[in-house]
Amino acid sequence: LCETAFVARGGEGGAADGDLDVLAARWPAWHSRLADF
C-alpha cells in the first residue's frame, strides 16, 4: 500500500467471465487469504 497517495474512482473494477474461477483454481488459498485480510 502506498499510503501517501490517493486515486479516486466511481466504483470497483471487475473480472471477465471465468476469470475468478481461474484465479481460484490457480491460487486455492487466495480467497481465504483475502477474507482473512
PDB file of all heavy atoms in Angstrom:
ATOM      1  N   LEU A   1       0.854  -1.185   0.000  1.00  0.00           N
ATOM      2  CA  LEU A   1       0.000   0.000   0.000  1.00  0.00           C
ATOM      3  C   LEU A   1       0.890   1.234   0.000  1.00  0.00           C
ATOM      4  O   LEU A   1       1.797   1.360   0.827  1.00  0.00           O
ATOM      5  CB  LEU A   1      -0.892   0.014   1.241  1.00  0.00           C
ATOM      6  CG  LEU A   1      -1.694   1.310   1.458  1.00  0.00           C
ATOM      7  CD1 LEU A   1      -2.811   1.435   0.427  1.00  0.00           C
ATOM      8  CD2 LEU A   1      -2.264   1.359   2.883  1.00  0.00           C
ATOM      9  N   CYS A   2       0.641   2.141  -0.930  1.00  0.00           N
ATOM     10  CA  CYS A   2       1.287   3.457  -0.883  1.00  0.00           C
ATOM     11  C   CYS A   2       0.321   4.389  -0.166  1.00  0.00           C
ATOM     12  O   CYS A   2      -0.557   4.998  -0.778  1.00  0.00           O
ATOM     13  CB  CYS A   2       1.592   3.955  -2.290  1.00  0.00           C
ATOM     14  SG  CYS A   2       2.391   5.579  -2.307  1.00  0.00           S
ATOM     15  N   GLU A   3       0.484   4.477   1.151  1.00  0.00           N
ATOM     16  CA  GLU A   3      -0.487   5.224   1.958  1.00  0.00           C
ATOM     17  C   GLU A   3      -0.344   6.734   1.828  1.00  0.00           C
ATOM     18  O   GLU A   3      -1.140   7.493   2.366  1.00  0.00           O
ATOM     19  CB  GLU A   3      -0.391   4.820   3.432  1.00  0.00           C
ATOM     20  CG  GLU A   3       0.941   5.163   4.111  1.00  0.00           C
ATOM     21  CD  GLU A   3       1.924   4.007   4.041  1.00  0.00           C
ATOM     22  OE1 GLU A   3       2.449   3.769   2.938  1.00  0.00           O
ATOM     23  OE2 GLU A   3       2.169   3.367   5.077  1.00  0.00           O
ATOM     24  N   THR A   4       0.665   7.197   1.086  1.00  0.00           N
ATOM     25  CA  THR A   4       0.863   8.627   0.894  1.00  0.00           C
ATOM     26  C   THR A   4       0.227   9.137  -0.401  1.00  0.00           C
ATOM     27  O   THR A   4       0.408  10.305  -0.762  1.00  0.00           O
ATOM     28  CB  THR A   4       2.364   8.954   0.876  1.00  0.00           C
ATOM     29  OG1 THR A   4       3.004   8.167  -0.146  1.00  0.00           O
ATOM     30  CG2 THR A   4       3.002   8.636   2.224  1.00  0.00           C
ATOM     31  N   ALA A   5      -0.508   8.281  -1.124  1.00  0.00           N
ATOM     32  CA  ALA A   5      -1.151   8.676  -2.377  1.00  0.00           C
ATOM     33  C   ALA A   5      -2.603   8.230  -2.385  1.00  0.00           C
ATOM     34  O   ALA A   5      -2.984   7.273  -1.705  1.00  0.00           O
ATOM     35  CB  ALA A   5      -0.408   8.061  -3.571  1.00  0.00           C
ATOM     36  N   PHE A   6      -3.410   8.923  -3.200  1.00  0.00           N
ATOM     37  CA  PHE A   6      -4.842   8.613  -3.283  1.00  0.00           C
ATOM     38  C   PHE A   6      -5.292   8.774  -4.726  1.00  0.00           C
ATOM     39  O   PHE A   6      -4.969   9.763  -5.397  1.00  0.00           O
ATOM     40  CB  PHE A   6      -5.651   9.551  -2.387  1.00  0.00           C
ATOM     41  CG  PHE A   6      -7.046   9.073  -2.066  1.00  0.00           C
ATOM     42  CD1 PHE A   6      -7.344   8.579  -0.805  1.00  0.00           C
ATOM     43  CD2 PHE A   6      -8.061   9.129  -3.009  1.00  0.00           C
ATOM     44  CE1 PHE A   6      -8.631   8.128  -0.488  1.00  0.00           C
ATOM     45  CE2 PHE A   6      -9.343   8.684  -2.717  1.00  0.00           C
ATOM     46  CZ  PHE A   6      -9.631   8.187  -1.445  1.00  0.00           C
ATOM     47  N   VAL A   7      -6.043   7.790  -5.215  1.00  0.00           N
ATOM     48  CA  VAL A   7      -6.660   7.860  -6.538  1.00  0.00           C
ATOM     49  C   VAL A   7      -8.132   7.506  -6.375  1.00  0.00           C
ATOM     50  O   VAL A   7      -8.465   6.414  -5.896  1.00  0.00           O
ATOM     51  CB  VAL A   7      -5.976   6.901  -7.534  1.00  0.00           C
ATOM     52  CG1 VAL A   7      -6.777   6.822  -8.836  1.00  0.00           C
ATOM     53  CG2 VAL A   7      -4.547   7.352  -7.819  1.00  0.00           C
ATOM     54  N   ALA A   8      -9.012   8.423  -6.731  1.00  0.00           N
ATOM     55  CA  ALA A   8     -10.452   8.211  -6.563  1.00  0.00           C
ATOM     56  C   ALA A   8     -11.018   7.417  -7.739  1.00  0.00           C
ATOM     57  O   ALA A   8     -10.421   7.345  -8.818  1.00  0.00           O
ATOM     58  CB  ALA A   8     -11.163   9.560  -6.441  1.00  0.00           C
ATOM     59  N   ARG A   9     -12.189   6.832  -7.501  1.00  0.00           N
ATOM     60  CA  ARG A   9     -12.852   6.048  -8.547  1.00  0.00           C
ATOM     61  C   ARG A   9     -14.337   5.965  -8.240  1.00  0.00           C
ATOM     62  O   ARG A   9     -14.744   5.953  -7.085  1.00  0.00           O
ATOM     63  CB  ARG A   9     -12.245   4.644  -8.623  1.00  0.00           C
ATOM     64  CG  ARG A   9     -12.599   3.878  -9.887  1.00  0.00           C
ATOM     65  CD  ARG A   9     -11.878   2.548  -9.956  1.00  0.00           C
ATOM     66  NE  ARG A   9     -12.034   1.938 -11.281  1.00  0.00           N
ATOM     67  CZ  ARG A   9     -11.580   0.738 -11.602  1.00  0.00           C
ATOM     68  NH1 ARG A   9     -10.943  -0.004 -10.704  1.00  0.00           N
ATOM     69  NH2 ARG A   9     -11.759   0.263 -12.826  1.00  0.00           N
ATOM     70  N   GLY A  10     -15.153   5.871  -9.297  1.00  0.00           N
ATOM     71  CA  GLY A  10     -16.593   5.788  -9.099  1.00  0.00           C
ATOM     72  C   GLY A  10     -17.068   4.448  -8.596  1.00  0.00           C
ATOM     73  O   GLY A  10     -18.103   4.350  -7.939  1.00  0.00           O
ATOM     74  N   GLY A  11     -16.332   3.384  -8.889  1.00  0.00           N
ATOM     75  CA  GLY A  11     -16.705   2.042  -8.445  1.00  0.00           C
ATOM     76  C   GLY A  11     -15.533   1.102  -8.599  1.00  0.00           C
ATOM     77  O   GLY A  11     -14.481   1.479  -9.124  1.00  0.00           O
ATOM     78  N   GLU A  12     -15.691  -0.125  -8.132  1.00  0.00           N
ATOM     79  CA  GLU A  12     -14.611  -1.100  -8.204  1.00  0.00           C
ATOM     80  C   GLU A  12     -14.502  -1.695  -9.604  1.00  0.00           C
ATOM     81  O   GLU A  12     -15.459  -1.692 -10.375  1.00  0.00           O
ATOM     82  CB  GLU A  12     -14.848  -2.218  -7.189  1.00  0.00           C
ATOM     83  CG  GLU A  12     -14.804  -1.735  -5.745  1.00  0.00           C
ATOM     84  CD  GLU A  12     -15.128  -2.836  -4.751  1.00  0.00           C
ATOM     85  OE1 GLU A  12     -15.617  -3.908  -5.187  1.00  0.00           O
ATOM     86  OE2 GLU A  12     -14.887  -2.623  -3.553  1.00  0.00           O
ATOM     87  N   GLY A  13     -13.330  -2.241  -9.907  1.00  0.00           N
ATOM     88  CA  GLY A  13     -13.146  -2.969 -11.152  1.00  0.00           C
ATOM     89  C   GLY A  13     -13.812  -4.329 -11.084  1.00  0.00           C
ATOM     90  O   GLY A  13     -14.379  -4.721 -10.055  1.00  0.00           O
ATOM     91  N   GLY A  14     -13.741  -5.060 -12.187  1.00  0.00           N
ATOM     92  CA  GLY A  14     -14.382  -6.368 -12.207  1.00  0.00           C
ATOM     93  C   GLY A  14     -13.688  -7.317 -13.162  1.00  0.00           C
ATOM     94  O   GLY A  14     -12.963  -6.896 -14.070  1.00  0.00           O
ATOM     95  N   ALA A  15     -13.912  -8.597 -12.952  1.00  0.00           N
ATOM     96  CA  ALA A  15     -13.279  -9.629 -13.756  1.00  0.00           C
ATOM     97  C   ALA A  15     -14.183 -10.040 -14.918  1.00  0.00           C
ATOM     98  O   ALA A  15     -15.408  -9.892 -14.870  1.00  0.00           O
ATOM     99  CB  ALA A  15     -12.974 -10.840 -12.881  1.00  0.00           C
ATOM    100  N   ALA A  16     -13.558 -10.572 -15.966  1.00  0.00           N
ATOM    101  CA  ALA A  16     -14.314 -11.135 -17.079  1.00  0.00           C
ATOM    102  C   ALA A  16     -14.880 -12.496 -16.671  1.00  0.00           C
ATOM    103  O   ALA A  16     -14.451 -13.108 -15.681  1.00  0.00           O
ATOM    104  CB  ALA A  16     -13.407 -11.281 -18.300  1.00  0.00           C
ATOM    105  N   ASP A  17     -15.853 -12.973 -17.419  1.00  0.00           N
ATOM    106  CA  ASP A  17     -16.461 -14.282 -17.137  1.00  0.00           C
ATOM    107  C   ASP A  17     -15.383 -15.367 -17.092  1.00  0.00           C
ATOM    108  O   ASP A  17     -14.563 -15.478 -18.007  1.00  0.00           O
ATOM    109  CB  ASP A  17     -17.486 -14.641 -18.217  1.00  0.00           C
ATOM    110  CG  ASP A  17     -18.742 -13.794 -18.130  1.00  0.00           C
ATOM    111  OD1 ASP A  17     -18.944 -13.140 -17.095  1.00  0.00           O
ATOM    112  OD2 ASP A  17     -19.509 -13.788 -19.119  1.00  0.00           O
ATOM    113  N   GLY A  18     -15.391 -16.143 -16.019  1.00  0.00           N
ATOM    114  CA  GLY A  18     -14.457 -17.244 -15.867  1.00  0.00           C
ATOM    115  C   GLY A  18     -13.143 -16.882 -15.221  1.00  0.00           C
ATOM    116  O   GLY A  18     -12.411 -17.780 -14.764  1.00  0.00           O
ATOM    117  N   ASP A  19     -12.812 -15.585 -15.155  1.00  0.00           N
ATOM    118  CA  ASP A  19     -11.510 -15.189 -14.604  1.00  0.00           C
ATOM    119  C   ASP A  19     -11.358 -15.561 -13.131  1.00  0.00           C
ATOM    120  O   ASP A  19     -10.295 -16.022 -12.707  1.00  0.00           O
ATOM    121  CB  ASP A  19     -11.296 -13.680 -14.769  1.00  0.00           C
ATOM    122  CG  ASP A  19     -10.799 -13.305 -16.158  1.00  0.00           C
ATOM    123  OD1 ASP A  19     -10.610 -14.227 -16.981  1.00  0.00           O
ATOM    124  OD2 ASP A  19     -10.600 -12.107 -16.415  1.00  0.00           O
ATOM    125  N   LEU A  20     -12.420 -15.353 -12.355  1.00  0.00           N
ATOM    126  CA  LEU A  20     -12.324 -15.656 -10.919  1.00  0.00           C
ATOM    127  C   LEU A  20     -12.204 -17.161 -10.688  1.00  0.00           C
ATOM    128  O   LEU A  20     -11.536 -17.589  -9.731  1.00  0.00           O
ATOM    129  CB  LEU A  20     -13.528 -15.085 -10.182  1.00  0.00           C
ATOM    130  CG  LEU A  20     -13.638 -13.550 -10.182  1.00  0.00           C
ATOM    131  CD1 LEU A  20     -14.857 -13.102  -9.388  1.00  0.00           C
ATOM    132  CD2 LEU A  20     -12.368 -12.910  -9.626  1.00  0.00           C
ATOM    133  N   ASP A  21     -12.806 -17.952 -11.549  1.00  0.00           N
ATOM    134  CA  ASP A  21     -12.660 -19.407 -11.433  1.00  0.00           C
ATOM    135  C   ASP A  21     -11.205 -19.820 -11.686  1.00  0.00           C
ATOM    136  O   ASP A  21     -10.675 -20.704 -11.002  1.00  0.00           O
ATOM    137  CB  ASP A  21     -13.577 -20.113 -12.423  1.00  0.00           C
ATOM    138  CG  ASP A  21     -15.052 -19.919 -12.091  1.00  0.00           C
ATOM    139  OD1 ASP A  21     -15.364 -19.696 -10.902  1.00  0.00           O
ATOM    140  OD2 ASP A  21     -15.877 -19.987 -13.019  1.00  0.00           O
ATOM    141  N   VAL A  22     -10.568 -19.180 -12.662  1.00  0.00           N
ATOM    142  CA  VAL A  22      -9.163 -19.483 -12.944  1.00  0.00           C
ATOM    143  C   VAL A  22      -8.291 -19.080 -11.758  1.00  0.00           C
ATOM    144  O   VAL A  22      -7.393 -19.828 -11.346  1.00  0.00           O
ATOM    145  CB  VAL A  22      -8.704 -18.780 -14.229  1.00  0.00           C
ATOM    146  CG1 VAL A  22      -7.204 -19.004 -14.465  1.00  0.00           C
ATOM    147  CG2 VAL A  22      -9.495 -19.270 -15.423  1.00  0.00           C
ATOM    148  N   LEU A  23      -8.564 -17.899 -11.189  1.00  0.00           N
ATOM    149  CA  LEU A  23      -7.806 -17.469 -10.012  1.00  0.00           C
ATOM    150  C   LEU A  23      -7.954 -18.463  -8.875  1.00  0.00           C
ATOM    151  O   LEU A  23      -6.968 -18.821  -8.208  1.00  0.00           O
ATOM    152  CB  LEU A  23      -8.279 -16.088  -9.552  1.00  0.00           C
ATOM    153  CG  LEU A  23      -7.696 -14.855 -10.233  1.00  0.00           C
ATOM    154  CD1 LEU A  23      -8.366 -13.595  -9.697  1.00  0.00           C
ATOM    155  CD2 LEU A  23      -6.190 -14.766 -10.051  1.00  0.00           C
ATOM    156  N   ALA A  24      -9.179 -18.920  -8.634  1.00  0.00           N
ATOM    157  CA  ALA A  24      -9.423 -19.856  -7.531  1.00  0.00           C
ATOM    158  C   ALA A  24      -8.723 -21.181  -7.760  1.00  0.00           C
ATOM    159  O   ALA A  24      -8.217 -21.807  -6.811  1.00  0.00           O
ATOM    160  CB  ALA A  24     -10.926 -20.072  -7.359  1.00  0.00           C
ATOM    161  N   ALA A  25      -8.668 -21.627  -9.009  1.00  0.00           N
ATOM    162  CA  ALA A  25      -8.008 -22.901  -9.304  1.00  0.00           C
ATOM    163  C   ALA A  25      -6.497 -22.784  -9.198  1.00  0.00           C
ATOM    164  O   ALA A  25      -5.822 -23.687  -8.695  1.00  0.00           O
ATOM    165  CB  ALA A  25      -8.409 -23.371 -10.698  1.00  0.00           C
ATOM    166  N   ARG A  26      -5.966 -21.658  -9.664  1.00  0.00           N
ATOM    167  CA  ARG A  26      -4.507 -21.482  -9.649  1.00  0.00           C
ATOM    168  C   ARG A  26      -4.002 -21.126  -8.269  1.00  0.00           C
ATOM    169  O   ARG A  26      -2.902 -21.537  -7.875  1.00  0.00           O
ATOM    170  CB  ARG A  26      -4.122 -20.394 -10.650  1.00  0.00           C
ATOM    171  CG  ARG A  26      -2.632 -20.112 -10.698  1.00  0.00           C
ATOM    172  CD  ARG A  26      -2.275 -19.169 -11.821  1.00  0.00           C
ATOM    173  NE  ARG A  26      -2.556 -19.776 -13.120  1.00  0.00           N
ATOM    174  CZ  ARG A  26      -2.423 -19.127 -14.280  1.00  0.00           C
ATOM    175  NH1 ARG A  26      -2.043 -17.857 -14.287  1.00  0.00           N
ATOM    176  NH2 ARG A  26      -2.663 -19.745 -15.413  1.00  0.00           N
ATOM    177  N   TRP A  27      -4.795 -20.343  -7.527  1.00  0.00           N
ATOM    178  CA  TRP A  27      -4.378 -19.878  -6.198  1.00  0.00           C
ATOM    179  C   TRP A  27      -5.450 -20.276  -5.196  1.00  0.00           C
ATOM    180  O   TRP A  27      -6.275 -19.461  -4.791  1.00  0.00           O
ATOM    181  CB  TRP A  27      -4.184 -18.356  -6.200  1.00  0.00           C
ATOM    182  CG  TRP A  27      -3.233 -17.870  -7.253  1.00  0.00           C
ATOM    183  CD1 TRP A  27      -3.537 -17.326  -8.463  1.00  0.00           C
ATOM    184  CD2 TRP A  27      -1.798 -17.880  -7.178  1.00  0.00           C
ATOM    185  NE1 TRP A  27      -2.408 -16.996  -9.149  1.00  0.00           N
ATOM    186  CE2 TRP A  27      -1.318 -17.318  -8.389  1.00  0.00           C
ATOM    187  CE3 TRP A  27      -0.885 -18.313  -6.209  1.00  0.00           C
ATOM    188  CZ2 TRP A  27       0.038 -17.190  -8.656  1.00  0.00           C
ATOM    189  CZ3 TRP A  27       0.465 -18.174  -6.476  1.00  0.00           C
ATOM    190  CH2 TRP A  27       0.916 -17.617  -7.681  1.00  0.00           C
ATOM    191  N   PRO A  28      -5.486 -21.551  -4.762  1.00  0.00           N
ATOM    192  CA  PRO A  28      -6.579 -22.027  -3.906  1.00  0.00           C
ATOM    193  C   PRO A  28      -6.678 -21.313  -2.570  1.00  0.00           C
ATOM    194  O   PRO A  28      -7.756 -21.277  -1.971  1.00  0.00           O
ATOM    195  CB  PRO A  28      -6.262 -23.512  -3.707  1.00  0.00           C
ATOM    196  CG  PRO A  28      -5.001 -23.803  -4.426  1.00  0.00           C
ATOM    197  CD  PRO A  28      -4.566 -22.613  -5.173  1.00  0.00           C
ATOM    198  N   ALA A  29      -5.580 -20.713  -2.111  1.00  0.00           N
ATOM    199  CA  ALA A  29      -5.608 -20.014  -0.824  1.00  0.00           C
ATOM    200  C   ALA A  29      -5.966 -18.542  -0.968  1.00  0.00           C
ATOM    201  O   ALA A  29      -6.092 -17.834   0.036  1.00  0.00           O
ATOM    202  CB  ALA A  29      -4.247 -20.136  -0.127  1.00  0.00           C
ATOM    203  N   TRP A  30      -6.151 -18.084  -2.213  1.00  0.00           N
ATOM    204  CA  TRP A  30      -6.329 -16.642  -2.448  1.00  0.00           C
ATOM    205  C   TRP A  30      -7.594 -16.095  -1.781  1.00  0.00           C
ATOM    206  O   TRP A  30      -7.550 -15.087  -1.063  1.00  0.00           O
ATOM    207  CB  TRP A  30      -6.351 -16.367  -3.954  1.00  0.00           C
ATOM    208  CG  TRP A  30      -7.024 -15.089  -4.349  1.00  0.00           C
ATOM    209  CD1 TRP A  30      -8.124 -14.940  -5.120  1.00  0.00           C
ATOM    210  CD2 TRP A  30      -6.632 -13.760  -3.967  1.00  0.00           C
ATOM    211  NE1 TRP A  30      -8.454 -13.627  -5.251  1.00  0.00           N
ATOM    212  CE2 TRP A  30      -7.561 -12.875  -4.563  1.00  0.00           C
ATOM    213  CE3 TRP A  30      -5.613 -13.243  -3.189  1.00  0.00           C
ATOM    214  CZ2 TRP A  30      -7.483 -11.497  -4.387  1.00  0.00           C
ATOM    215  CZ3 TRP A  30      -5.529 -11.867  -3.021  1.00  0.00           C
ATOM    216  CH2 TRP A  30      -6.457 -11.010  -3.614  1.00  0.00           C
ATOM    217  N   HIS A  31      -8.740 -16.739  -1.993  1.00  0.00           N
ATOM    218  CA  HIS A  31      -9.986 -16.196  -1.453  1.00  0.00           C
ATOM    219  C   HIS A  31      -9.984 -16.208   0.078  1.00  0.00           C
ATOM    220  O   HIS A  31     -10.459 -15.251   0.717  1.00  0.00           O
ATOM    221  CB  HIS A  31     -11.182 -16.972  -2.006  1.00  0.00           C
ATOM    222  CG  HIS A  31     -11.449 -16.707  -3.457  1.00  0.00           C
ATOM    223  ND1 HIS A  31     -11.822 -15.473  -3.931  1.00  0.00           N
ATOM    224  CD2 HIS A  31     -11.374 -17.517  -4.543  1.00  0.00           C
ATOM    225  CE1 HIS A  31     -11.973 -15.527  -5.237  1.00  0.00           C
ATOM    226  NE2 HIS A  31     -11.705 -16.752  -5.642  1.00  0.00           N
ATOM    227  N   SER A  32      -9.465 -17.270   0.682  1.00  0.00           N
ATOM    228  CA  SER A  32      -9.417 -17.316   2.145  1.00  0.00           C
ATOM    229  C   SER A  32      -8.436 -16.258   2.682  1.00  0.00           C
ATOM    230  O   SER A  32      -8.679 -15.662   3.737  1.00  0.00           O
ATOM    231  CB  SER A  32      -9.013 -18.706   2.622  1.00  0.00           C
ATOM    232  OG  SER A  32      -7.751 -19.076   2.129  1.00  0.00           O
ATOM    233  N   ARG A  33      -7.340 -16.035   1.956  1.00  0.00           N
ATOM    234  CA  ARG A  33      -6.388 -15.003   2.383  1.00  0.00           C
ATOM    235  C   ARG A  33      -7.019 -13.615   2.333  1.00  0.00           C
ATOM    236  O   ARG A  33      -6.856 -12.802   3.246  1.00  0.00           O
ATOM    237  CB  ARG A  33      -5.148 -15.055   1.482  1.00  0.00           C
ATOM    238  CG  ARG A  33      -4.081 -14.039   1.858  1.00  0.00           C
ATOM    239  CD  ARG A  33      -2.927 -14.064   0.873  1.00  0.00           C
ATOM    240  NE  ARG A  33      -1.978 -13.011   1.145  1.00  0.00           N
ATOM    241  CZ  ARG A  33      -1.097 -12.573   0.272  1.00  0.00           C
ATOM    242  NH1 ARG A  33      -1.045 -13.092  -0.932  1.00  0.00           N
ATOM    243  NH2 ARG A  33      -0.263 -11.607   0.587  1.00  0.00           N
ATOM    244  N   LEU A  34      -7.766 -13.354   1.255  1.00  0.00           N
ATOM    245  CA  LEU A  34      -8.439 -12.058   1.136  1.00  0.00           C
ATOM    246  C   LEU A  34      -9.497 -11.910   2.218  1.00  0.00           C
ATOM    247  O   LEU A  34      -9.619 -10.847   2.851  1.00  0.00           O
ATOM    248  CB  LEU A  34      -9.058 -11.934  -0.251  1.00  0.00           C
ATOM    249  CG  LEU A  34      -9.824 -10.639  -0.528  1.00  0.00           C
ATOM    250  CD1 LEU A  34      -8.914  -9.426  -0.387  1.00  0.00           C
ATOM    251  CD2 LEU A  34     -10.444 -10.683  -1.933  1.00  0.00           C
ATOM    252  N   ALA A  35     -10.269 -12.969   2.467  1.00  0.00           N
ATOM    253  CA  ALA A  35     -11.292 -12.909   3.504  1.00  0.00           C
ATOM    254  C   ALA A  35     -10.673 -12.671   4.877  1.00  0.00           C
ATOM    255  O   ALA A  35     -11.196 -11.893   5.692  1.00  0.00           O
ATOM    256  CB  ALA A  35     -12.104 -14.205   3.512  1.00  0.00           C
ATOM    257  N   ASP A  36      -9.545 -13.310   5.148  1.00  0.00           N
ATOM    258  CA  ASP A  36      -8.860 -13.116   6.419  1.00  0.00           C
ATOM    259  C   ASP A  36      -8.380 -11.677   6.563  1.00  0.00           C
ATOM    260  O   ASP A  36      -8.490 -11.077   7.637  1.00  0.00           O
ATOM    261  CB  ASP A  36      -7.676 -14.080   6.516  1.00  0.00           C
ATOM    262  CG  ASP A  36      -6.910 -13.927   7.816  1.00  0.00           C
ATOM    263  OD1 ASP A  36      -7.485 -14.232   8.887  1.00  0.00           O
ATOM    264  OD2 ASP A  36      -5.738 -13.472   7.775  1.00  0.00           O
ATOM    265  N   PHE A  37      -7.882 -11.101   5.463  1.00  0.00           N
ATOM    266  CA  PHE A  37      -7.434  -9.703   5.479  1.00  0.00           C
ATOM    267  C   PHE A  37      -8.604  -8.781   5.805  1.00  0.00           C
ATOM    268  O   PHE A  37      -8.482  -7.856   6.622  1.00  0.00           O
ATOM    269  CB  PHE A  37      -6.832  -9.354   4.115  1.00  0.00           C
ATOM    270  CG  PHE A  37      -6.236  -7.983   4.033  1.00  0.00           C
ATOM    271  CD1 PHE A  37      -4.880  -7.784   4.270  1.00  0.00           C
ATOM    272  CD2 PHE A  37      -7.008  -6.876   3.699  1.00  0.00           C
ATOM    273  CE1 PHE A  37      -4.317  -6.523   4.191  1.00  0.00           C
ATOM    274  CE2 PHE A  37      -6.462  -5.609   3.613  1.00  0.00           C
ATOM    275  CZ  PHE A  37      -5.111  -5.432   3.852  1.00  0.00           C
TER     276      PHE A  37
END
